[in-house]
């Protein structure tokens, strides 16, 4: 079964991460999360915890890619809930190429 993600099929993370901007795409996902959470009614206790964790609240600050990967289902649910297709596409690309 082949998933069509719109990502560049010539890049293969198992061969090389060359040409794949994992950190940049993770940063863009974080910016999209921030945009959603800035809208009243979209924040909740989980996202408060997520933001605290992001800042290194109770330990070292995790990088964006790790934090997204560790919470990928919640990130996906946020974007699905608010029907953000562009964010979902970028998340799928990040997952395919980097996670």
N, C-alpha and C. Protein backbone atom coordinates (compact mmCIF):
# COMPACT_ATOMS: atom_id res chain seq x y z
N UNK A 1 0.84 -1.18 0.00
CA UNK A 1 0.00 0.00 0.00
C UNK A 1 0.88 1.24 0.00
N UNK A 2 0.68 2.13 -0.92
CA UNK A 2 1.47 3.34 -1.04
C UNK A 2 0.65 4.54 -0.62
N UNK A 3 1.21 5.35 0.27
CA UNK A 3 0.55 6.57 0.69
C UNK A 3 1.04 7.72 -0.15
N UNK A 4 0.15 8.53 -0.64
CA UNK A 4 0.51 9.72 -1.39
C UNK A 4 0.57 10.88 -0.42
N UNK A 5 1.77 11.37 -0.16
CA UNK A 5 1.92 12.43 0.83
C UNK A 5 2.27 13.77 0.19
N UNK A 6 2.55 13.81 -1.10
CA UNK A 6 2.94 15.06 -1.72
C UNK A 6 4.39 15.41 -1.45
N UNK A 7 5.10 14.54 -0.75
CA UNK A 7 6.50 14.82 -0.46
C UNK A 7 7.38 14.39 -1.64
N UNK A 8 8.59 14.81 -1.64
CA UNK A 8 9.51 14.52 -2.73
C UNK A 8 9.90 13.05 -2.66
N UNK A 9 9.49 12.27 -3.63
CA UNK A 9 9.75 10.83 -3.64
C UNK A 9 11.22 10.49 -3.90
N UNK A 10 12.01 11.47 -4.33
CA UNK A 10 13.43 11.21 -4.60
C UNK A 10 14.26 11.24 -3.33
N UNK A 11 13.66 11.66 -2.24
CA UNK A 11 14.38 11.69 -0.97
C UNK A 11 13.99 10.47 -0.16
N UNK A 12 14.95 9.80 0.38
CA UNK A 12 14.69 8.60 1.17
C UNK A 12 15.48 8.69 2.46
N UNK A 13 14.79 8.83 3.57
CA UNK A 13 15.47 9.02 4.85
C UNK A 13 16.33 7.81 5.22
N UNK A 14 16.03 6.66 4.66
CA UNK A 14 16.82 5.48 4.98
C UNK A 14 18.14 5.44 4.23
N UNK A 15 18.26 6.24 3.19
CA UNK A 15 19.52 6.35 2.46
C UNK A 15 20.31 7.54 2.99
N UNK A 16 19.63 8.67 3.11
CA UNK A 16 20.28 9.88 3.57
C UNK A 16 19.22 10.91 3.92
N UNK A 17 19.49 11.73 4.91
CA UNK A 17 18.60 12.83 5.25
C UNK A 17 18.94 14.07 4.42
N UNK A 18 19.89 13.93 3.50
CA UNK A 18 20.30 15.05 2.66
C UNK A 18 19.10 15.58 1.88
N UNK A 19 18.90 16.89 1.93
CA UNK A 19 17.81 17.52 1.21
C UNK A 19 16.48 17.50 1.96
N UNK A 20 16.46 16.93 3.16
CA UNK A 20 15.24 16.89 3.96
C UNK A 20 15.42 17.85 5.13
N UNK A 21 14.57 18.85 5.22
CA UNK A 21 14.67 19.87 6.27
C UNK A 21 13.79 19.49 7.45
N UNK A 22 14.20 18.48 8.19
CA UNK A 22 13.40 18.00 9.32
C UNK A 22 13.24 19.08 10.37
N UNK A 23 14.32 19.76 10.73
CA UNK A 23 14.24 20.78 11.77
C UNK A 23 13.37 21.95 11.32
N UNK A 24 13.52 22.38 10.09
CA UNK A 24 12.72 23.49 9.56
C UNK A 24 11.25 23.14 9.50
N UNK A 25 10.93 21.95 9.05
CA UNK A 25 9.52 21.53 8.97
C UNK A 25 8.93 21.35 10.37
N UNK A 26 9.72 20.84 11.31
CA UNK A 26 9.24 20.71 12.69
C UNK A 26 8.97 22.10 13.27
N UNK A 27 9.85 23.04 12.98
CA UNK A 27 9.65 24.41 13.45
C UNK A 27 8.36 25.01 12.87
N UNK A 28 8.10 24.73 11.59
CA UNK A 28 6.87 25.22 10.96
C UNK A 28 5.63 24.59 11.60
N UNK A 29 5.70 23.32 11.93
CA UNK A 29 4.58 22.66 12.62
C UNK A 29 4.34 23.34 13.97
N UNK A 30 5.42 23.64 14.69
CA UNK A 30 5.27 24.31 15.98
C UNK A 30 4.63 25.69 15.81
N UNK A 31 4.99 26.39 14.75
CA UNK A 31 4.38 27.70 14.49
C UNK A 31 2.88 27.54 14.22
N UNK A 32 2.51 26.49 13.51
CA UNK A 32 1.09 26.23 13.24
C UNK A 32 0.34 25.87 14.53
N UNK A 33 0.98 25.09 15.38
CA UNK A 33 0.38 24.77 16.68
C UNK A 33 0.16 26.06 17.47
N UNK A 34 1.18 26.92 17.50
CA UNK A 34 1.07 28.19 18.22
C UNK A 34 -0.08 29.04 17.68
N UNK A 35 -0.24 29.06 16.36
CA UNK A 35 -1.33 29.83 15.76
C UNK A 35 -2.69 29.31 16.21
N UNK A 36 -2.82 27.99 16.25
CA UNK A 36 -4.09 27.41 16.70
C UNK A 36 -4.34 27.71 18.18
N UNK A 37 -3.31 27.56 19.00
CA UNK A 37 -3.49 27.74 20.44
C UNK A 37 -3.72 29.20 20.81
N UNK A 38 -3.37 30.12 19.94
CA UNK A 38 -3.61 31.54 20.20
C UNK A 38 -5.08 31.91 20.03
N UNK A 39 -5.85 31.05 19.41
CA UNK A 39 -7.28 31.29 19.19
C UNK A 39 -8.03 30.84 20.45
N UNK A 40 -8.82 31.73 21.05
CA UNK A 40 -9.57 31.35 22.26
C UNK A 40 -10.41 30.08 22.04
N UNK A 41 -10.36 29.21 23.04
CA UNK A 41 -11.14 27.98 22.99
C UNK A 41 -10.41 26.78 22.42
N UNK A 42 -9.21 26.99 21.93
CA UNK A 42 -8.46 25.86 21.34
C UNK A 42 -7.40 25.30 22.28
N UNK A 43 -7.17 25.98 23.37
CA UNK A 43 -6.18 25.52 24.32
C UNK A 43 -6.87 24.67 25.39
N UNK A 44 -6.16 23.72 25.95
CA UNK A 44 -6.68 22.91 27.04
C UNK A 44 -5.52 22.47 27.91
N UNK A 45 -5.79 21.64 28.88
CA UNK A 45 -4.73 21.24 29.83
C UNK A 45 -3.59 20.51 29.12
N UNK A 46 -3.92 19.67 28.13
CA UNK A 46 -2.85 18.98 27.42
C UNK A 46 -1.91 19.98 26.75
N UNK A 47 -2.49 20.96 26.05
CA UNK A 47 -1.65 21.91 25.32
C UNK A 47 -0.87 22.82 26.27
N UNK A 48 -1.42 23.09 27.46
CA UNK A 48 -0.65 23.82 28.47
C UNK A 48 0.57 23.00 28.88
N UNK A 49 0.36 21.70 29.10
CA UNK A 49 1.45 20.79 29.44
C UNK A 49 2.47 20.73 28.30
N UNK A 50 1.98 20.61 27.08
CA UNK A 50 2.84 20.55 25.89
C UNK A 50 3.73 21.79 25.81
N UNK A 51 3.15 22.96 26.00
CA UNK A 51 3.91 24.21 25.92
C UNK A 51 4.94 24.31 27.04
N UNK A 52 4.55 23.84 28.23
CA UNK A 52 5.49 23.83 29.35
C UNK A 52 6.65 22.89 29.06
N UNK A 53 6.33 21.72 28.53
CA UNK A 53 7.35 20.73 28.16
C UNK A 53 8.27 21.31 27.09
N UNK A 54 7.67 22.02 26.15
CA UNK A 54 8.43 22.62 25.04
C UNK A 54 9.49 23.60 25.54
N UNK A 55 9.17 24.28 26.63
CA UNK A 55 10.11 25.24 27.20
C UNK A 55 11.10 24.57 28.16
N UNK A 56 10.97 23.26 28.35
CA UNK A 56 11.86 22.56 29.26
C UNK A 56 11.40 22.67 30.70
N UNK A 57 10.10 22.77 30.91
CA UNK A 57 9.50 22.99 32.23
C UNK A 57 10.05 22.13 33.35
N UNK A 58 10.18 20.84 33.17
CA UNK A 58 10.63 19.96 34.26
C UNK A 58 11.87 19.17 33.87
N UNK A 59 12.61 19.68 32.93
CA UNK A 59 13.83 18.99 32.50
C UNK A 59 14.41 19.70 31.29
N UNK A 60 15.27 19.00 30.58
CA UNK A 60 15.87 19.63 29.41
C UNK A 60 14.83 19.93 28.33
N UNK A 61 15.07 20.99 27.58
CA UNK A 61 14.15 21.39 26.51
C UNK A 61 14.31 20.42 25.34
N UNK A 62 13.23 19.71 24.98
CA UNK A 62 13.33 18.79 23.84
C UNK A 62 13.32 19.57 22.52
N UNK A 63 13.93 19.01 21.49
CA UNK A 63 13.86 19.69 20.20
C UNK A 63 12.46 19.50 19.62
N UNK A 64 12.10 20.37 18.68
CA UNK A 64 10.75 20.38 18.13
C UNK A 64 10.37 19.04 17.50
N UNK A 65 11.29 18.44 16.75
CA UNK A 65 10.99 17.19 16.07
C UNK A 65 10.65 16.09 17.08
N UNK A 66 11.43 15.99 18.13
CA UNK A 66 11.17 14.97 19.16
C UNK A 66 9.81 15.20 19.80
N UNK A 67 9.52 16.45 20.17
CA UNK A 67 8.26 16.75 20.85
C UNK A 67 7.05 16.46 19.95
N UNK A 68 7.16 16.80 18.69
CA UNK A 68 6.07 16.50 17.75
C UNK A 68 5.90 14.99 17.60
N UNK A 69 7.01 14.30 17.41
CA UNK A 69 6.96 12.85 17.23
C UNK A 69 6.34 12.17 18.46
N UNK A 70 6.72 12.62 19.65
CA UNK A 70 6.21 12.02 20.89
C UNK A 70 4.72 12.29 21.09
N UNK A 71 4.20 13.32 20.42
CA UNK A 71 2.79 13.71 20.60
C UNK A 71 2.07 13.80 19.26
N UNK A 72 2.48 12.99 18.31
CA UNK A 72 1.99 13.13 16.93
C UNK A 72 0.47 12.94 16.83
N UNK A 73 -0.10 12.04 17.63
CA UNK A 73 -1.55 11.84 17.56
C UNK A 73 -2.31 13.06 18.05
N UNK A 74 -1.83 13.71 19.09
CA UNK A 74 -2.49 14.90 19.60
C UNK A 74 -2.34 16.07 18.62
N UNK A 75 -1.18 16.18 18.00
CA UNK A 75 -0.96 17.24 17.00
C UNK A 75 -1.90 17.01 15.82
N UNK A 76 -1.96 15.77 15.35
CA UNK A 76 -2.85 15.45 14.24
C UNK A 76 -4.31 15.75 14.60
N UNK A 77 -4.71 15.38 15.81
CA UNK A 77 -6.08 15.63 16.25
C UNK A 77 -6.39 17.14 16.29
N UNK A 78 -5.44 17.95 16.74
CA UNK A 78 -5.64 19.40 16.75
C UNK A 78 -5.92 19.91 15.34
N UNK A 79 -5.10 19.51 14.39
CA UNK A 79 -5.27 19.96 13.01
C UNK A 79 -6.55 19.41 12.39
N UNK A 80 -6.89 18.16 12.69
CA UNK A 80 -8.12 17.57 12.16
C UNK A 80 -9.35 18.26 12.74
N UNK A 81 -9.32 18.54 14.03
CA UNK A 81 -10.46 19.17 14.70
C UNK A 81 -10.80 20.50 14.06
N UNK A 82 -9.77 21.25 13.67
CA UNK A 82 -9.98 22.58 13.10
C UNK A 82 -9.83 22.58 11.58
N UNK A 83 -9.85 21.38 10.99
CA UNK A 83 -9.84 21.20 9.54
C UNK A 83 -8.73 21.99 8.85
N UNK A 84 -7.53 21.90 9.40
CA UNK A 84 -6.38 22.61 8.83
C UNK A 84 -5.65 21.64 7.90
N UNK A 85 -6.09 21.60 6.66
CA UNK A 85 -5.55 20.65 5.68
C UNK A 85 -4.09 20.91 5.36
N UNK A 86 -3.69 22.16 5.28
CA UNK A 86 -2.29 22.48 4.98
C UNK A 86 -1.38 21.99 6.11
N UNK A 87 -1.82 22.17 7.35
CA UNK A 87 -1.03 21.70 8.49
C UNK A 87 -0.97 20.18 8.51
N UNK A 88 -2.08 19.53 8.20
CA UNK A 88 -2.09 18.06 8.15
C UNK A 88 -1.14 17.54 7.08
N UNK A 89 -1.11 18.20 5.94
CA UNK A 89 -0.21 17.79 4.86
C UNK A 89 1.25 17.93 5.29
N UNK A 90 1.58 19.05 5.93
CA UNK A 90 2.95 19.24 6.40
C UNK A 90 3.30 18.22 7.49
N UNK A 91 2.35 17.93 8.38
CA UNK A 91 2.57 16.94 9.42
C UNK A 91 2.82 15.57 8.81
N UNK A 92 2.04 15.21 7.81
CA UNK A 92 2.23 13.92 7.13
C UNK A 92 3.61 13.86 6.46
N UNK A 93 4.01 14.95 5.83
CA UNK A 93 5.33 15.01 5.20
C UNK A 93 6.42 14.84 6.25
N UNK A 94 6.29 15.53 7.37
CA UNK A 94 7.27 15.43 8.44
C UNK A 94 7.35 14.00 8.96
N UNK A 95 6.19 13.39 9.14
CA UNK A 95 6.16 12.02 9.64
C UNK A 95 6.80 11.04 8.66
N UNK A 96 6.51 11.21 7.37
CA UNK A 96 7.07 10.34 6.34
C UNK A 96 8.59 10.50 6.21
N UNK A 97 9.04 11.73 6.26
CA UNK A 97 10.45 11.99 5.99
C UNK A 97 11.35 11.94 7.22
N UNK A 98 10.80 12.22 8.41
CA UNK A 98 11.69 12.46 9.54
C UNK A 98 11.41 11.65 10.81
N UNK A 99 10.21 11.14 10.98
CA UNK A 99 9.89 10.46 12.24
C UNK A 99 10.08 8.97 12.14
